[in-house]
Amino acid sequence: MGRWLRDGSGVLLVLCAIGALFHGVTQLRGHDYLASIVLTVTGLSLLRAGVELLRPSLGE
């Protein structure tokens, strides 16, 4: 159960990060540059956290 929980939360974090990056780039790039930068940094941080959770499963 522990491995499935770790893998599931890692996949969820990666998907949330991709969504945050997509939203930051598409919606805010023409309106508010500061919000776009903050949202992009948040997305990259979530992506890194998700990859760290998935690292044992992927064998790196």
N, C-alpha and C. Protein backbone atom coordinates (compact mmCIF):
# COMPACT_ATOMS: atom_id res chain seq x y z
N MET A 1 0.82 -1.19 0.00
CA MET A 1 0.00 0.00 0.00
C MET A 1 0.86 1.25 0.00
N GLY A 2 2.00 1.23 0.68
CA GLY A 2 2.87 2.40 0.74
C GLY A 2 3.42 2.81 -0.62
N ARG A 3 3.77 1.81 -1.42
CA ARG A 3 4.32 2.11 -2.75
C ARG A 3 3.25 2.71 -3.65
N TRP A 4 2.04 2.17 -3.59
CA TRP A 4 0.95 2.69 -4.43
C TRP A 4 0.59 4.12 -4.03
N LEU A 5 0.62 4.39 -2.73
CA LEU A 5 0.33 5.74 -2.25
C LEU A 5 1.40 6.72 -2.71
N ARG A 6 2.66 6.31 -2.62
CA ARG A 6 3.76 7.17 -3.06
C ARG A 6 3.71 7.41 -4.56
N ASP A 7 3.47 6.35 -5.32
CA ASP A 7 3.39 6.48 -6.77
C ASP A 7 2.19 7.33 -7.19
N GLY A 8 1.06 7.11 -6.55
CA GLY A 8 -0.13 7.88 -6.88
C GLY A 8 0.02 9.35 -6.57
N SER A 9 0.63 9.66 -5.43
CA SER A 9 0.84 11.07 -5.10
C SER A 9 1.89 11.69 -6.01
N GLY A 10 2.86 10.93 -6.44
CA GLY A 10 3.85 11.45 -7.38
C GLY A 10 3.24 11.77 -8.72
N VAL A 11 2.40 10.88 -9.22
CA VAL A 11 1.72 11.12 -10.49
C VAL A 11 0.78 12.31 -10.37
N LEU A 12 0.08 12.42 -9.25
CA LEU A 12 -0.83 13.55 -9.04
C LEU A 12 -0.06 14.87 -9.01
N LEU A 13 1.09 14.90 -8.35
CA LEU A 13 1.90 16.11 -8.32
C LEU A 13 2.43 16.48 -9.70
N VAL A 14 2.84 15.49 -10.47
CA VAL A 14 3.33 15.77 -11.82
C VAL A 14 2.21 16.34 -12.68
N LEU A 15 1.02 15.77 -12.59
CA LEU A 15 -0.11 16.28 -13.37
C LEU A 15 -0.52 17.69 -12.94
N CYS A 16 -0.50 17.95 -11.63
CA CYS A 16 -0.81 19.31 -11.14
C CYS A 16 0.25 20.30 -11.62
N ALA A 17 1.49 19.88 -11.63
CA ALA A 17 2.57 20.76 -12.08
C ALA A 17 2.43 21.09 -13.56
N ILE A 18 2.11 20.10 -14.36
CA ILE A 18 1.92 20.35 -15.79
C ILE A 18 0.74 21.29 -16.01
N GLY A 19 -0.33 21.10 -15.23
CA GLY A 19 -1.48 21.99 -15.33
C GLY A 19 -1.14 23.41 -14.92
N ALA A 20 -0.37 23.57 -13.85
CA ALA A 20 0.02 24.91 -13.40
C ALA A 20 0.93 25.59 -14.42
N LEU A 21 1.84 24.83 -14.99
CA LEU A 21 2.72 25.40 -16.02
C LEU A 21 1.93 25.81 -17.26
N PHE A 22 1.02 24.96 -17.68
CA PHE A 22 0.20 25.27 -18.85
C PHE A 22 -0.65 26.52 -18.60
N HIS A 23 -1.27 26.60 -17.43
CA HIS A 23 -2.09 27.76 -17.11
C HIS A 23 -1.25 29.03 -17.01
N GLY A 24 -0.09 28.92 -16.41
CA GLY A 24 0.78 30.09 -16.28
C GLY A 24 1.26 30.62 -17.61
N VAL A 25 1.53 29.74 -18.53
CA VAL A 25 2.05 30.16 -19.83
C VAL A 25 0.93 30.69 -20.72
N THR A 26 -0.20 30.02 -20.75
CA THR A 26 -1.24 30.40 -21.71
C THR A 26 -2.11 31.56 -21.25
N GLN A 27 -2.55 31.54 -20.00
CA GLN A 27 -3.51 32.54 -19.55
C GLN A 27 -2.88 33.85 -19.11
N LEU A 28 -1.73 33.80 -18.51
CA LEU A 28 -1.20 34.99 -17.86
C LEU A 28 -0.06 35.67 -18.62
N ARG A 29 0.43 35.08 -19.68
CA ARG A 29 1.60 35.66 -20.34
C ARG A 29 1.33 37.04 -20.93
N GLY A 30 0.13 37.30 -21.38
CA GLY A 30 -0.17 38.60 -21.97
C GLY A 30 -0.73 39.61 -20.99
N HIS A 31 -1.05 39.18 -19.78
CA HIS A 31 -1.72 40.06 -18.84
C HIS A 31 -0.84 40.48 -17.67
N ASP A 32 -0.29 39.50 -16.99
CA ASP A 32 0.41 39.78 -15.74
C ASP A 32 1.68 38.93 -15.69
N TYR A 33 2.80 39.55 -15.98
CA TYR A 33 4.06 38.81 -16.06
C TYR A 33 4.50 38.27 -14.70
N LEU A 34 4.29 39.02 -13.64
CA LEU A 34 4.71 38.58 -12.32
C LEU A 34 3.93 37.34 -11.88
N ALA A 35 2.64 37.33 -12.10
CA ALA A 35 1.83 36.16 -11.75
C ALA A 35 2.24 34.95 -12.60
N SER A 36 2.56 35.19 -13.84
CA SER A 36 3.00 34.10 -14.70
C SER A 36 4.30 33.50 -14.20
N ILE A 37 5.23 34.34 -13.77
CA ILE A 37 6.51 33.84 -13.25
C ILE A 37 6.29 33.06 -11.97
N VAL A 38 5.45 33.57 -11.07
CA VAL A 38 5.20 32.87 -9.80
C VAL A 38 4.52 31.53 -10.05
N LEU A 39 3.56 31.49 -10.96
CA LEU A 39 2.87 30.25 -11.27
C LEU A 39 3.80 29.25 -11.96
N THR A 40 4.70 29.73 -12.78
CA THR A 40 5.66 28.85 -13.43
C THR A 40 6.64 28.25 -12.42
N VAL A 41 7.11 29.06 -11.48
CA VAL A 41 8.01 28.56 -10.44
C VAL A 41 7.29 27.53 -9.57
N THR A 42 6.02 27.79 -9.26
CA THR A 42 5.24 26.83 -8.48
C THR A 42 5.08 25.53 -9.23
N GLY A 43 4.80 25.61 -10.52
CA GLY A 43 4.66 24.40 -11.34
C GLY A 43 5.95 23.61 -11.41
N LEU A 44 7.07 24.30 -11.56
CA LEU A 44 8.36 23.60 -11.60
C LEU A 44 8.68 22.95 -10.25
N SER A 45 8.33 23.61 -9.16
CA SER A 45 8.56 23.03 -7.84
C SER A 45 7.71 21.78 -7.63
N LEU A 46 6.44 21.83 -8.05
CA LEU A 46 5.59 20.65 -7.94
C LEU A 46 6.10 19.52 -8.83
N LEU A 47 6.59 19.88 -10.00
CA LEU A 47 7.14 18.86 -10.90
C LEU A 47 8.34 18.17 -10.28
N ARG A 48 9.21 18.94 -9.66
CA ARG A 48 10.38 18.36 -9.01
C ARG A 48 9.98 17.45 -7.84
N ALA A 49 8.97 17.87 -7.07
CA ALA A 49 8.51 17.05 -5.95
C ALA A 49 7.90 15.74 -6.44
N GLY A 50 7.12 15.81 -7.51
CA GLY A 50 6.53 14.60 -8.07
C GLY A 50 7.57 13.65 -8.61
N VAL A 51 8.59 14.18 -9.25
CA VAL A 51 9.67 13.34 -9.79
C VAL A 51 10.44 12.68 -8.64
N GLU A 52 10.64 13.40 -7.55
CA GLU A 52 11.33 12.81 -6.40
C GLU A 52 10.52 11.67 -5.80
N LEU A 53 9.20 11.80 -5.80
CA LEU A 53 8.37 10.71 -5.28
C LEU A 53 8.38 9.50 -6.21
N LEU A 54 8.51 9.75 -7.51
CA LEU A 54 8.49 8.65 -8.47
C LEU A 54 9.88 8.05 -8.72
N ARG A 55 10.93 8.65 -8.23
CA ARG A 55 12.29 8.18 -8.50
C ARG A 55 12.52 6.73 -8.09
N PRO A 56 12.10 6.27 -6.89
CA PRO A 56 12.33 4.86 -6.55
C PRO A 56 11.60 3.89 -7.46
N SER A 57 10.44 4.30 -7.98
CA SER A 57 9.65 3.42 -8.85
C SER A 57 10.26 3.31 -10.23
N LEU A 58 10.88 4.38 -10.69
CA LEU A 58 11.43 4.40 -12.03
C LEU A 58 12.86 3.83 -12.09
N GLY A 59 13.49 3.67 -10.94
CA GLY A 59 14.79 3.04 -10.90
C GLY A 59 15.97 3.96 -11.13
N GLU A 60 15.80 5.24 -10.89
CA GLU A 60 16.94 6.16 -11.05
C GLU A 60 17.73 6.23 -9.78
